Amino acid sequence: MCVTALYNVAVQIGTNRIVMSGSKFHYPMGRPDLPPEDEKEWRLRQTRATLAILEKPVEGVTVFTQQDLFP
């Protein structure tokens, strides 16, 4: 599994689960534009959703977007 903003890189390294971070590539699991407490909550929510993806069966390369994580 790869959490990234760079889809092409994730595909090139052969990742089977790609989570598009919804953030800039400098901060795939962070949002420095938010106040510290809000960023902490965002990161925690993002991490929990990303870990839940590990429980989903996939075949081949599967891309998960922010809409998949937070419908």
C-alpha atoms as a PDB file:
ATOM      1  CA  MET A   1       0.000   0.000   0.000  1.00  0.00           C
ATOM      2  CA  CYS A   2       1.179   3.498  -0.795  1.00  0.00           C
ATOM      3  CA  VAL A   3      -0.273   6.804   0.418  1.00  0.00           C
ATOM      4  CA  THR A   4       0.726   9.402  -2.114  1.00  0.00           C
ATOM      5  CA  ALA A   5      -0.185  12.366  -4.249  1.00  0.00           C
ATOM      6  CA  LEU A   6       1.978  10.909  -7.040  1.00  0.00           C
ATOM      7  CA  TYR A   7      -0.048   8.191  -8.759  1.00  0.00           C
ATOM      8  CA  ASN A   8       2.574   7.457 -11.434  1.00  0.00           C
ATOM      9  CA  VAL A   9       5.277   6.731  -8.872  1.00  0.00           C
ATOM     10  CA  ALA A  10       3.029   4.339  -6.952  1.00  0.00           C
ATOM     11  CA  VAL A  11       2.205   2.440 -10.152  1.00  0.00           C
ATOM     12  CA  GLN A  12       5.856   2.268 -11.193  1.00  0.00           C
ATOM     13  CA  ILE A  13       6.907   0.677  -7.910  1.00  0.00           C
ATOM     14  CA  GLY A  14       4.150  -1.949  -8.208  1.00  0.00           C
ATOM     15  CA  THR A  15       1.890  -0.945  -5.354  1.00  0.00           C
ATOM     16  CA  ASN A  16      -1.404  -2.840  -5.294  1.00  0.00           C
ATOM     17  CA  ARG A  17      -3.307  -0.340  -3.110  1.00  0.00           C
ATOM     18  CA  ILE A  18      -2.826   3.340  -3.882  1.00  0.00           C
ATOM     19  CA  VAL A  19      -4.384   5.886  -1.559  1.00  0.00           C
ATOM     20  CA  MET A  20      -4.503   9.330  -3.117  1.00  0.00           C
ATOM     21  CA  SER A  21      -3.743  11.541  -0.156  1.00  0.00           C
ATOM     22  CA  GLY A  22      -5.842  14.537  -1.071  1.00  0.00           C
ATOM     23  CA  SER A  23      -2.971  16.733   0.034  1.00  0.00           C
ATOM     24  CA  LYS A  24       0.127  18.116  -1.606  1.00  0.00           C
ATOM     25  CA  PHE A  25       2.970  15.737  -2.365  1.00  0.00           C
ATOM     26  CA  HIS A  26       5.165  17.435   0.249  1.00  0.00           C
ATOM     27  CA  TYR A  27       2.733  16.380   3.001  1.00  0.00           C
ATOM     28  CA  PRO A  28       0.927  13.143   2.026  1.00  0.00           C
ATOM     29  CA  MET A  29      -0.364  12.638   5.582  1.00  0.00           C
ATOM     30  CA  GLY A  30      -0.486  16.246   6.719  1.00  0.00           C
ATOM     31  CA  ARG A  31      -2.263  19.534   6.125  1.00  0.00           C
ATOM     32  CA  PRO A  32      -0.016  22.395   7.294  1.00  0.00           C
ATOM     33  CA  ASP A  33      -2.636  24.895   6.119  1.00  0.00           C
ATOM     34  CA  LEU A  34      -4.873  23.851   9.036  1.00  0.00           C
ATOM     35  CA  PRO A  35      -4.490  24.941  12.654  1.00  0.00           C
ATOM     36  CA  PRO A  36      -2.465  22.364  14.648  1.00  0.00           C
ATOM     37  CA  GLU A  37      -5.442  20.757  16.411  1.00  0.00           C
ATOM     38  CA  ASP A  38      -7.446  20.502  13.177  1.00  0.00           C
ATOM     39  CA  GLU A  39      -4.456  19.016  11.355  1.00  0.00           C
ATOM     40  CA  LYS A  40      -4.004  16.428  14.091  1.00  0.00           C
ATOM     41  CA  GLU A  41      -7.668  15.420  13.754  1.00  0.00           C
ATOM     42  CA  TRP A  42      -7.364  15.319   9.936  1.00  0.00           C
ATOM     43  CA  ARG A  43      -4.265  13.100  10.136  1.00  0.00           C
ATOM     44  CA  LEU A  44      -5.916  10.743  12.616  1.00  0.00           C
ATOM     45  CA  ARG A  45      -9.027  10.399  10.448  1.00  0.00           C
ATOM     46  CA  GLN A  46      -6.882   9.895   7.326  1.00  0.00           C
ATOM     47  CA  THR A  47      -4.735   7.257   9.049  1.00  0.00           C
ATOM     48  CA  ARG A  48      -7.730   5.287  10.328  1.00  0.00           C
ATOM     49  CA  ALA A  49      -9.387   5.313   6.907  1.00  0.00           C
ATOM     50  CA  THR A  50      -6.135   4.271   5.230  1.00  0.00           C
ATOM     51  CA  LEU A  51      -5.639   1.363   7.640  1.00  0.00           C
ATOM     52  CA  ALA A  52      -9.197   0.187   6.942  1.00  0.00           C
ATOM     53  CA  ILE A  53      -8.228  -0.183   3.281  1.00  0.00           C
ATOM     54  CA  LEU A  54      -5.830  -2.966   4.243  1.00  0.00           C
ATOM     55  CA  GLU A  55      -8.867  -5.081   5.141  1.00  0.00           C
ATOM     56  CA  LYS A  56     -10.412  -4.733   1.680  1.00  0.00           C
ATOM     57  CA  PRO A  57      -9.536  -7.444  -0.818  1.00  0.00           C
ATOM     58  CA  VAL A  58      -8.102  -6.132  -4.082  1.00  0.00           C
ATOM     59  CA  GLU A  59      -6.914  -7.637  -7.333  1.00  0.00           C
ATOM     60  CA  GLY A  60      -4.182  -5.804  -9.164  1.00  0.00           C
ATOM     61  CA  VAL A  61      -3.670  -2.080  -8.805  1.00  0.00           C
ATOM     62  CA  THR A  62      -6.559  -0.427  -6.964  1.00  0.00           C
ATOM     63  CA  VAL A  63      -6.766   3.325  -6.431  1.00  0.00           C
ATOM     64  CA  PHE A  64      -8.635   4.799  -3.474  1.00  0.00           C
ATOM     65  CA  THR A  65      -9.502   8.500  -3.557  1.00  0.00           C
ATOM     66  CA  GLN A  66     -10.614  10.793  -0.777  1.00  0.00           C
ATOM     67  CA  GLN A  67     -14.210  10.159  -1.906  1.00  0.00           C
ATOM     68  CA  ASP A  68     -13.649   6.426  -1.309  1.00  0.00           C
ATOM     69  CA  LEU A  69     -12.251   7.084   2.147  1.00  0.00           C
ATOM     70  CA  PHE A  70     -14.880   9.616   3.198  1.00  0.00           C
ATOM     71  CA  PRO A  71     -18.109   9.118   1.207  1.00  0.00           C
END
